[in-house]
C-alpha atoms as a PDB file:
ATOM      1  CA  MET A   1       0.000   0.000   0.000  1.00  0.00           C
ATOM      2  CA  MET A   2       1.324   3.434  -0.865  1.00  0.00           C
ATOM      3  CA  ASP A   3       2.134   5.760   2.037  1.00  0.00           C
ATOM      4  CA  LYS A   4      -0.422   8.373   0.967  1.00  0.00           C
ATOM      5  CA  THR A   5      -3.136   5.706   0.801  1.00  0.00           C
ATOM      6  CA  ARG A   6      -2.182   4.357   4.230  1.00  0.00           C
ATOM      7  CA  GLU A   7      -2.388   7.866   5.712  1.00  0.00           C
ATOM      8  CA  ALA A   8      -5.741   8.605   4.063  1.00  0.00           C
ATOM      9  CA  ALA A   9      -7.135   5.212   5.105  1.00  0.00           C
ATOM     10  CA  THR A  10      -5.995   5.722   8.696  1.00  0.00           C
ATOM     11  CA  LYS A  11      -7.720   9.124   8.854  1.00  0.00           C
ATOM     12  CA  ARG A  12     -10.910   7.704   7.354  1.00  0.00           C
ATOM     13  CA  LEU A  13     -10.907   4.824   9.820  1.00  0.00           C
ATOM     14  CA  ALA A  14     -10.555   7.231  12.736  1.00  0.00           C
ATOM     15  CA  ARG A  15     -13.524   9.229  11.444  1.00  0.00           C
ATOM     16  CA  ILE A  16     -15.578   6.061  10.936  1.00  0.00           C
ATOM     17  CA  ALA A  17     -14.714   4.873  14.453  1.00  0.00           C
ATOM     18  CA  GLY A  18     -15.973   8.204  15.774  1.00  0.00           C
ATOM     19  CA  GLN A  19     -19.179   7.815  13.807  1.00  0.00           C
ATOM     20  CA  VAL A  20     -19.709   4.322  15.216  1.00  0.00           C
ATOM     21  CA  ARG A  21     -19.148   5.578  18.765  1.00  0.00           C
ATOM     22  CA  GLY A  22     -21.621   8.357  18.020  1.00  0.00           C
ATOM     23  CA  VAL A  23     -24.264   5.849  16.969  1.00  0.00           C
ATOM     24  CA  GLY A  24     -23.632   3.919  20.165  1.00  0.00           C
ATOM     25  CA  GLY A  25     -24.284   7.113  22.097  1.00  0.00           C
ATOM     26  CA  MET A  26     -27.434   7.805  20.101  1.00  0.00           C
ATOM     27  CA  ILE A  27     -28.756   4.350  20.927  1.00  0.00           C
ATOM     28  CA  SER A  28     -27.888   4.774  24.616  1.00  0.00           C
ATOM     29  CA  GLU A  29     -29.725   8.100  24.600  1.00  0.00           C
ATOM     30  CA  ASP A  30     -32.741   6.466  22.922  1.00  0.00           C
ATOM     31  CA  ARG A  31     -32.576   8.869  19.992  1.00  0.00           C
ATOM     32  CA  TYR A  32     -35.126   8.822  17.185  1.00  0.00           C
ATOM     33  CA  CYS A  33     -34.709   5.626  15.147  1.00  0.00           C
ATOM     34  CA  ILE A  34     -34.592   7.333  11.754  1.00  0.00           C
ATOM     35  CA  ASP A  35     -31.778   9.599  12.954  1.00  0.00           C
ATOM     36  CA  VAL A  36     -29.835   6.519  14.034  1.00  0.00           C
ATOM     37  CA  VAL A  37     -30.497   4.811  10.695  1.00  0.00           C
ATOM     38  CA  ARG A  38     -29.283   7.898   8.823  1.00  0.00           C
ATOM     39  CA  GLN A  39     -26.050   7.825  10.784  1.00  0.00           C
ATOM     40  CA  ILE A  40     -25.635   4.121  10.022  1.00  0.00           C
ATOM     41  CA  GLN A  41     -26.129   4.903   6.326  1.00  0.00           C
ATOM     42  CA  ALA A  42     -23.425   7.565   6.594  1.00  0.00           C
ATOM     43  CA  ILE A  43     -21.079   4.980   8.136  1.00  0.00           C
ATOM     44  CA  LYS A  44     -21.817   2.533   5.327  1.00  0.00           C
ATOM     45  CA  ALA A  45     -21.067   5.245   2.750  1.00  0.00           C
ATOM     46  CA  ALA A  46     -17.808   6.072   4.534  1.00  0.00           C
ATOM     47  CA  LEU A  47     -16.830   2.388   4.523  1.00  0.00           C
ATOM     48  CA  SER A  48     -17.599   2.180   0.801  1.00  0.00           C
ATOM     49  CA  GLY A  49     -15.336   5.169   0.218  1.00  0.00           C
ATOM     50  CA  LEU A  50     -12.573   3.513   2.215  1.00  0.00           C
ATOM     51  CA  GLU A  51     -13.018   0.314   0.233  1.00  0.00           C
ATOM     52  CA  ALA A  52     -12.738   2.241  -3.050  1.00  0.00           C
ATOM     53  CA  LEU A  53      -9.604   4.013  -1.846  1.00  0.00           C
ATOM     54  CA  ILE A  54      -7.912   0.729  -0.960  1.00  0.00           C
ATOM     55  CA  LEU A  55      -9.037  -1.005  -4.166  1.00  0.00           C
ATOM     56  CA  ASP A  56      -7.703   1.888  -6.255  1.00  0.00           C
ATOM     57  CA  ASP A  57      -4.374   1.608  -4.481  1.00  0.00           C
ATOM     58  CA  HIS A  58      -4.343  -2.148  -5.060  1.00  0.00           C
ATOM     59  CA  LEU A  59      -4.994  -1.625  -8.771  1.00  0.00           C
ATOM     60  CA  ASP A  60      -2.261   1.001  -9.017  1.00  0.00           C
ATOM     61  CA  THR A  61       0.307  -1.139  -7.205  1.00  0.00           C
ATOM     62  CA  CYS A  62      -0.180  -4.897  -6.932  1.00  0.00           C
ATOM     63  CA  VAL A  63      -2.353  -5.445  -9.990  1.00  0.00           C
ATOM     64  CA  HIS A  64      -0.349  -3.098 -12.222  1.00  0.00           C
ATOM     65  CA  GLN A  65       2.873  -4.819 -11.179  1.00  0.00           C
ATOM     66  CA  ALA A  66       1.408  -8.277 -11.831  1.00  0.00           C
ATOM     67  CA  LEU A  67      -0.034  -7.362 -15.226  1.00  0.00           C
ATOM     68  CA  SER A  68       3.200  -5.796 -16.427  1.00  0.00           C
ATOM     69  CA  GLY A  69       5.250  -8.753 -15.207  1.00  0.00           C
ATOM     70  CA  GLU A  70       6.128 -11.937 -17.033  1.00  0.00           C
ATOM     71  CA  ASP A  71       4.536 -14.463 -14.650  1.00  0.00           C
ATOM     72  CA  VAL A  72       1.199 -15.558 -16.125  1.00  0.00           C
ATOM     73  CA  ALA A  73       0.203 -17.381 -12.916  1.00  0.00           C
ATOM     74  CA  VAL A  74       0.598 -14.188 -10.884  1.00  0.00           C
ATOM     75  CA  ARG A  75      -1.465 -12.260 -13.451  1.00  0.00           C
ATOM     76  CA  ARG A  76      -4.225 -14.843 -13.268  1.00  0.00           C
ATOM     77  CA  GLU A  77      -4.150 -14.803  -9.475  1.00  0.00           C
ATOM     78  CA  LYS A  78      -4.597 -11.020  -9.312  1.00  0.00           C
ATOM     79  CA  ILE A  79      -7.473 -11.094 -11.799  1.00  0.00           C
ATOM     80  CA  GLU A  80      -9.175 -13.921  -9.883  1.00  0.00           C
ATOM     81  CA  GLU A  81      -8.789 -11.951  -6.637  1.00  0.00           C
ATOM     82  CA  LEU A  82     -10.454  -8.915  -8.200  1.00  0.00           C
ATOM     83  CA  VAL A  83     -13.285 -10.951  -9.665  1.00  0.00           C
ATOM     84  CA  ALA A  84     -13.864 -12.611  -6.289  1.00  0.00           C
ATOM     85  CA  VAL A  85     -13.878  -9.298  -4.411  1.00  0.00           C
ATOM     86  CA  LEU A  86     -15.870  -7.272  -6.931  1.00  0.00           C
ATOM     87  CA  GLY A  87     -18.182 -10.058  -7.970  1.00  0.00           C
ATOM     88  CA  GLY A  88     -18.796 -11.378  -4.495  1.00  0.00           C
ATOM     89  CA  ARG A  89     -17.368 -14.842  -5.214  1.00  0.00           C
ATOM     90  CA  ARG A  90     -15.360 -16.564  -2.540  1.00  0.00           C
ATOM     91  CA  LYS A  91     -11.877 -17.574  -3.486  1.00  0.00           C
END
């Protein structure tokens, strides 16, 4: 993982952790259910953004390196990993 991606991912995770703690507080305070659900949706969106950030980094580093290399088995492995992750298949 590139340093800039690691830094961005770490910051996003800290923000997401804060959001999760906030939802815990909302539940403890018996806040309005729809408000809680909206915060959960925001957390899910933040996690999706984090996932995209990490996948982009993976494409730019690991996958690019494998596809420009000579080892066909490594190329196939990286493509199968992506298909499994993006398509929901288990490897």
